[in-house]
N, C-alpha and C. Protein backbone atom coordinates (compact mmCIF):
# COMPACT_ATOMS: atom_id res chain seq x y z
N MET A 1 0.83 -1.20 0.00
CA MET A 1 0.00 0.00 0.00
C MET A 1 0.87 1.26 0.00
N ILE A 2 2.16 1.08 0.03
CA ILE A 2 3.07 2.23 0.07
C ILE A 2 3.04 3.01 -1.25
N VAL A 3 3.07 2.30 -2.38
CA VAL A 3 3.08 2.98 -3.68
C VAL A 3 1.77 3.73 -3.89
N GLN A 4 0.67 3.10 -3.55
CA GLN A 4 -0.64 3.76 -3.68
C GLN A 4 -0.69 5.04 -2.86
N GLN A 5 -0.18 4.99 -1.65
CA GLN A 5 -0.16 6.18 -0.80
C GLN A 5 0.73 7.26 -1.38
N GLN A 6 1.86 6.88 -1.94
CA GLN A 6 2.75 7.86 -2.58
C GLN A 6 2.04 8.56 -3.73
N ILE A 7 1.36 7.78 -4.56
CA ILE A 7 0.63 8.34 -5.70
C ILE A 7 -0.43 9.31 -5.22
N GLU A 8 -1.21 8.89 -4.22
CA GLU A 8 -2.27 9.75 -3.69
C GLU A 8 -1.70 11.06 -3.14
N GLN A 9 -0.62 10.95 -2.38
CA GLN A 9 -0.01 12.14 -1.76
C GLN A 9 0.52 13.10 -2.83
N LEU A 10 1.23 12.57 -3.81
CA LEU A 10 1.80 13.43 -4.86
C LEU A 10 0.70 14.13 -5.66
N LEU A 11 -0.35 13.41 -6.00
CA LEU A 11 -1.44 14.01 -6.77
C LEU A 11 -2.21 15.04 -5.94
N GLN A 12 -2.41 14.77 -4.66
CA GLN A 12 -3.06 15.74 -3.78
C GLN A 12 -2.25 17.04 -3.71
N GLN A 13 -0.95 16.90 -3.51
CA GLN A 13 -0.08 18.07 -3.38
C GLN A 13 -0.01 18.87 -4.66
N GLN A 14 0.06 18.21 -5.80
CA GLN A 14 0.25 18.88 -7.07
C GLN A 14 -1.02 19.51 -7.62
N TYR A 15 -2.17 18.83 -7.43
CA TYR A 15 -3.39 19.24 -8.13
C TYR A 15 -4.53 19.73 -7.24
N HIS A 16 -4.45 19.54 -5.94
CA HIS A 16 -5.52 19.96 -5.03
C HIS A 16 -6.89 19.59 -5.62
N PRO A 17 -7.11 18.30 -5.85
CA PRO A 17 -8.27 17.86 -6.62
C PRO A 17 -9.61 18.05 -5.90
N ASP A 18 -10.64 18.20 -6.72
CA ASP A 18 -12.02 18.17 -6.22
C ASP A 18 -12.39 16.73 -5.89
N PHE A 19 -11.81 15.80 -6.65
CA PHE A 19 -12.05 14.37 -6.43
C PHE A 19 -10.81 13.62 -6.87
N LEU A 20 -10.41 12.65 -6.06
CA LEU A 20 -9.27 11.80 -6.39
C LEU A 20 -9.57 10.38 -5.94
N GLU A 21 -9.38 9.46 -6.86
CA GLU A 21 -9.48 8.04 -6.53
C GLU A 21 -8.28 7.35 -7.14
N VAL A 22 -7.54 6.64 -6.31
CA VAL A 22 -6.41 5.84 -6.77
C VAL A 22 -6.72 4.40 -6.37
N ALA A 23 -6.92 3.55 -7.35
CA ALA A 23 -7.27 2.15 -7.09
C ALA A 23 -6.14 1.24 -7.54
N ASN A 24 -5.71 0.38 -6.65
CA ASN A 24 -4.71 -0.63 -6.99
C ASN A 24 -5.44 -1.78 -7.67
N GLU A 25 -5.21 -1.94 -8.96
CA GLU A 25 -5.86 -2.99 -9.73
C GLU A 25 -4.90 -4.14 -10.05
N SER A 26 -3.82 -4.21 -9.33
CA SER A 26 -2.80 -5.23 -9.59
C SER A 26 -3.36 -6.65 -9.46
N HIS A 27 -4.28 -6.83 -8.54
CA HIS A 27 -4.85 -8.17 -8.31
C HIS A 27 -5.59 -8.70 -9.54
N GLN A 28 -5.91 -7.82 -10.50
CA GLN A 28 -6.62 -8.23 -11.71
C GLN A 28 -5.64 -8.69 -12.81
N HIS A 29 -4.36 -8.72 -12.49
CA HIS A 29 -3.33 -9.02 -13.48
C HIS A 29 -2.45 -10.17 -13.01
N SER A 30 -1.62 -10.67 -13.89
CA SER A 30 -0.71 -11.78 -13.58
C SER A 30 0.53 -11.25 -12.86
N VAL A 31 0.33 -10.92 -11.61
CA VAL A 31 1.43 -10.44 -10.77
C VAL A 31 1.35 -11.16 -9.42
N PRO A 32 2.42 -11.16 -8.66
CA PRO A 32 2.38 -11.81 -7.35
C PRO A 32 1.35 -11.13 -6.42
N PRO A 33 0.83 -11.87 -5.46
CA PRO A 33 -0.10 -11.28 -4.48
C PRO A 33 0.51 -10.05 -3.81
N ASN A 34 -0.35 -9.10 -3.48
CA ASN A 34 0.04 -7.85 -2.79
C ASN A 34 0.93 -6.94 -3.62
N SER A 35 0.93 -7.11 -4.93
CA SER A 35 1.73 -6.25 -5.80
C SER A 35 1.10 -4.86 -5.88
N GLU A 36 1.92 -3.89 -6.21
CA GLU A 36 1.47 -2.52 -6.46
C GLU A 36 2.08 -2.09 -7.79
N THR A 37 1.52 -2.63 -8.87
CA THR A 37 2.07 -2.41 -10.20
C THR A 37 1.08 -1.80 -11.17
N HIS A 38 -0.20 -1.99 -10.96
CA HIS A 38 -1.25 -1.54 -11.88
C HIS A 38 -2.24 -0.66 -11.12
N PHE A 39 -2.40 0.58 -11.58
CA PHE A 39 -3.28 1.52 -10.88
C PHE A 39 -4.25 2.21 -11.82
N LYS A 40 -5.38 2.54 -11.29
CA LYS A 40 -6.37 3.37 -11.97
C LYS A 40 -6.47 4.66 -11.18
N VAL A 41 -6.37 5.79 -11.87
CA VAL A 41 -6.46 7.10 -11.23
C VAL A 41 -7.61 7.88 -11.86
N VAL A 42 -8.49 8.36 -11.01
CA VAL A 42 -9.54 9.29 -11.43
C VAL A 42 -9.21 10.61 -10.74
N LEU A 43 -8.95 11.64 -11.52
CA LEU A 43 -8.52 12.92 -10.97
C LEU A 43 -9.36 14.04 -11.57
N VAL A 44 -10.02 14.79 -10.69
CA VAL A 44 -10.86 15.91 -11.08
C VAL A 44 -10.28 17.17 -10.47
N THR A 45 -9.89 18.12 -11.32
CA THR A 45 -9.28 19.33 -10.82
C THR A 45 -9.45 20.48 -11.81
N ALA A 46 -9.57 21.67 -11.28
CA ALA A 46 -9.65 22.87 -12.12
C ALA A 46 -8.33 23.13 -12.84
N ALA A 47 -7.25 22.50 -12.39
CA ALA A 47 -5.95 22.65 -13.04
C ALA A 47 -5.98 22.13 -14.48
N PHE A 48 -6.98 21.33 -14.82
CA PHE A 48 -7.10 20.79 -16.17
C PHE A 48 -7.94 21.68 -17.09
N ASP A 49 -8.48 22.76 -16.59
CA ASP A 49 -9.28 23.65 -17.44
C ASP A 49 -8.45 24.11 -18.63
N GLY A 50 -9.01 23.97 -19.82
CA GLY A 50 -8.34 24.41 -21.04
C GLY A 50 -7.25 23.50 -21.55
N LYS A 51 -7.05 22.34 -20.91
CA LYS A 51 -5.99 21.41 -21.33
C LYS A 51 -6.60 20.18 -21.98
N ARG A 52 -5.96 19.74 -23.04
CA ARG A 52 -6.39 18.51 -23.71
C ARG A 52 -5.98 17.30 -22.88
N LYS A 53 -6.61 16.20 -23.18
CA LYS A 53 -6.36 14.97 -22.43
C LYS A 53 -4.88 14.58 -22.45
N VAL A 54 -4.23 14.70 -23.60
CA VAL A 54 -2.81 14.33 -23.70
C VAL A 54 -1.97 15.18 -22.76
N ALA A 55 -2.22 16.48 -22.71
CA ALA A 55 -1.46 17.38 -21.83
C ALA A 55 -1.71 17.03 -20.37
N ARG A 56 -2.93 16.67 -20.04
CA ARG A 56 -3.26 16.28 -18.66
C ARG A 56 -2.46 15.04 -18.27
N HIS A 57 -2.45 14.06 -19.17
CA HIS A 57 -1.74 12.82 -18.88
C HIS A 57 -0.23 13.06 -18.77
N GLN A 58 0.29 13.90 -19.65
CA GLN A 58 1.72 14.22 -19.58
C GLN A 58 2.08 14.87 -18.24
N GLN A 59 1.21 15.73 -17.76
CA GLN A 59 1.43 16.36 -16.46
C GLN A 59 1.51 15.31 -15.36
N ILE A 60 0.58 14.39 -15.38
CA ILE A 60 0.54 13.35 -14.35
C ILE A 60 1.77 12.45 -14.47
N TYR A 61 2.14 12.09 -15.69
CA TYR A 61 3.35 11.28 -15.87
C TYR A 61 4.56 11.99 -15.28
N GLY A 62 4.63 13.30 -15.45
CA GLY A 62 5.73 14.06 -14.86
C GLY A 62 5.69 14.03 -13.34
N THR A 63 4.51 14.18 -12.79
CA THR A 63 4.35 14.15 -11.33
C THR A 63 4.73 12.80 -10.75
N LEU A 64 4.42 11.73 -11.47
CA LEU A 64 4.65 10.37 -10.97
C LEU A 64 5.85 9.69 -11.63
N ALA A 65 6.78 10.47 -12.15
CA ALA A 65 7.92 9.93 -12.90
C ALA A 65 8.68 8.86 -12.11
N ALA A 66 8.95 9.10 -10.85
CA ALA A 66 9.72 8.14 -10.06
C ALA A 66 8.98 6.82 -9.90
N GLN A 67 7.67 6.88 -9.71
CA GLN A 67 6.88 5.66 -9.56
C GLN A 67 6.80 4.90 -10.88
N LEU A 68 6.72 5.63 -11.99
CA LEU A 68 6.63 5.00 -13.30
C LEU A 68 7.96 4.37 -13.72
N GLU A 69 9.05 4.87 -13.20
CA GLU A 69 10.36 4.28 -13.48
C GLU A 69 10.59 3.04 -12.64
N GLY A 70 9.88 2.94 -11.53
CA GLY A 70 10.11 1.83 -10.61
C GLY A 70 8.96 0.85 -10.57
N PRO A 71 8.20 0.90 -9.53
CA PRO A 71 7.24 -0.18 -9.29
C PRO A 71 5.99 -0.17 -10.18
N VAL A 72 5.61 0.97 -10.73
CA VAL A 72 4.35 1.05 -11.47
C VAL A 72 4.56 0.61 -12.91
N HIS A 73 3.80 -0.40 -13.30
CA HIS A 73 3.88 -0.96 -14.65
C HIS A 73 2.79 -0.38 -15.55
N ALA A 74 1.62 -0.12 -14.98
CA ALA A 74 0.49 0.38 -15.77
C ALA A 74 -0.29 1.41 -14.97
N LEU A 75 -0.72 2.45 -15.68
CA LEU A 75 -1.46 3.54 -15.04
C LEU A 75 -2.61 3.94 -15.95
N ALA A 76 -3.83 3.63 -15.53
CA ALA A 76 -5.02 4.03 -16.28
C ALA A 76 -5.46 5.39 -15.75
N LEU A 77 -5.50 6.39 -16.62
CA LEU A 77 -5.82 7.75 -16.20
C LEU A 77 -7.17 8.19 -16.73
N HIS A 78 -7.97 8.73 -15.82
CA HIS A 78 -9.26 9.32 -16.16
C HIS A 78 -9.23 10.72 -15.56
N THR A 79 -9.05 11.73 -16.42
CA THR A 79 -8.82 13.09 -15.96
C THR A 79 -9.96 14.00 -16.41
N TYR A 80 -10.46 14.80 -15.48
CA TYR A 80 -11.62 15.65 -15.77
C TYR A 80 -11.49 17.00 -15.10
N THR A 81 -12.10 18.00 -15.74
CA THR A 81 -12.31 19.28 -15.07
C THR A 81 -13.55 19.09 -14.20
N PRO A 82 -13.79 19.98 -13.24
CA PRO A 82 -15.00 19.86 -12.43
C PRO A 82 -16.28 19.86 -13.28
N GLU A 83 -16.32 20.66 -14.34
CA GLU A 83 -17.51 20.70 -15.19
C GLU A 83 -17.69 19.38 -15.95
N GLU A 84 -16.60 18.83 -16.48
CA GLU A 84 -16.68 17.54 -17.17
C GLU A 84 -17.16 16.44 -16.22
N TRP A 85 -16.70 16.50 -14.98
CA TRP A 85 -17.09 15.52 -13.97
C TRP A 85 -18.58 15.63 -13.66
N ARG A 86 -19.07 16.86 -13.57
CA ARG A 86 -20.51 17.06 -13.35
C ARG A 86 -21.31 16.50 -14.53
N GLN A 87 -20.84 16.74 -15.74
CA GLN A 87 -21.52 16.24 -16.93
C GLN A 87 -21.54 14.71 -16.97
N ARG A 88 -20.50 14.11 -16.44
CA ARG A 88 -20.43 12.64 -16.38
C ARG A 88 -21.22 12.10 -15.19
N GLN A 89 -21.77 12.98 -14.41
CA GLN A 89 -22.51 12.61 -13.19
C GLN A 89 -21.61 11.84 -12.23
N ALA A 90 -20.37 12.33 -12.09
CA ALA A 90 -19.38 11.79 -11.15
C ALA A 90 -19.18 10.29 -11.36
N ASP A 91 -19.02 9.90 -12.62
CA ASP A 91 -18.86 8.48 -12.94
C ASP A 91 -17.68 8.30 -13.90
N ALA A 92 -16.73 7.48 -13.51
CA ALA A 92 -15.59 7.16 -14.36
C ALA A 92 -15.77 5.77 -14.95
N PRO A 93 -15.16 5.51 -16.11
CA PRO A 93 -15.28 4.18 -16.72
C PRO A 93 -14.68 3.09 -15.84
N GLN A 94 -15.25 1.91 -15.95
CA GLN A 94 -14.69 0.74 -15.27
C GLN A 94 -13.50 0.23 -16.07
N SER A 95 -12.55 -0.34 -15.41
CA SER A 95 -11.40 -0.93 -16.10
C SER A 95 -11.81 -2.24 -16.74
N PRO A 96 -11.28 -2.51 -17.95
CA PRO A 96 -11.59 -3.78 -18.60
C PRO A 96 -10.88 -4.94 -17.91
N GLU A 97 -11.38 -6.13 -18.17
CA GLU A 97 -10.72 -7.34 -17.66
C GLU A 97 -9.34 -7.44 -18.29
N CYS A 98 -8.40 -7.94 -17.54
CA CYS A 98 -7.05 -8.16 -18.07
C CYS A 98 -7.10 -9.34 -19.04
N LEU A 99 -6.59 -9.14 -20.24
CA LEU A 99 -6.56 -10.21 -21.23
C LEU A 99 -5.17 -10.82 -21.38
N GLY A 100 -4.23 -10.26 -20.64
CA GLY A 100 -2.86 -10.76 -20.73
C GLY A 100 -2.69 -12.05 -19.97
N GLY A 101 -1.66 -12.77 -20.32
CA GLY A 101 -1.37 -14.02 -19.65
C GLY A 101 -0.11 -13.91 -18.82
N SER A 102 0.21 -14.95 -18.20
CA SER A 102 1.42 -15.03 -17.40
C SER A 102 2.55 -15.55 -18.27
N LYS A 103 3.77 -15.20 -17.93
CA LYS A 103 4.92 -15.72 -18.65
C LYS A 103 4.96 -17.25 -18.54
N SER A 104 4.42 -17.77 -17.43
CA SER A 104 4.42 -19.21 -17.26
C SER A 104 3.42 -19.90 -18.18
N ASP A 105 2.51 -19.12 -18.81
CA ASP A 105 1.54 -19.67 -19.75
C ASP A 105 2.13 -19.84 -21.14
N GLN A 106 3.32 -19.33 -21.38
CA GLN A 106 3.96 -19.39 -22.70
C GLN A 106 4.36 -20.83 -23.02
N PRO A 107 4.19 -21.24 -24.29
CA PRO A 107 4.57 -22.63 -24.67
C PRO A 107 6.07 -22.82 -24.67
């Protein structure tokens, strides 16, 4: 839970979000138990006003650069302005099922 807490803390400090959800989805993938490698982030902040989705994601990648170089393998980002979040009725997409296999499944 250390990596998840680091992500939450960094995003809180950088963006002062209206809404933040960081979900560890590692258990849905072929990784050892208790891994912290796959995360879903829902971030709602006025800091995204006037920014395209790519620029928002680049900002977050910069904020989480150390985590992305180390333990984090995958990061699903759902970024919204407060108005976009209201229009979505405070609902972010669900993550799809993992379709990947384990290295041990290879012939």
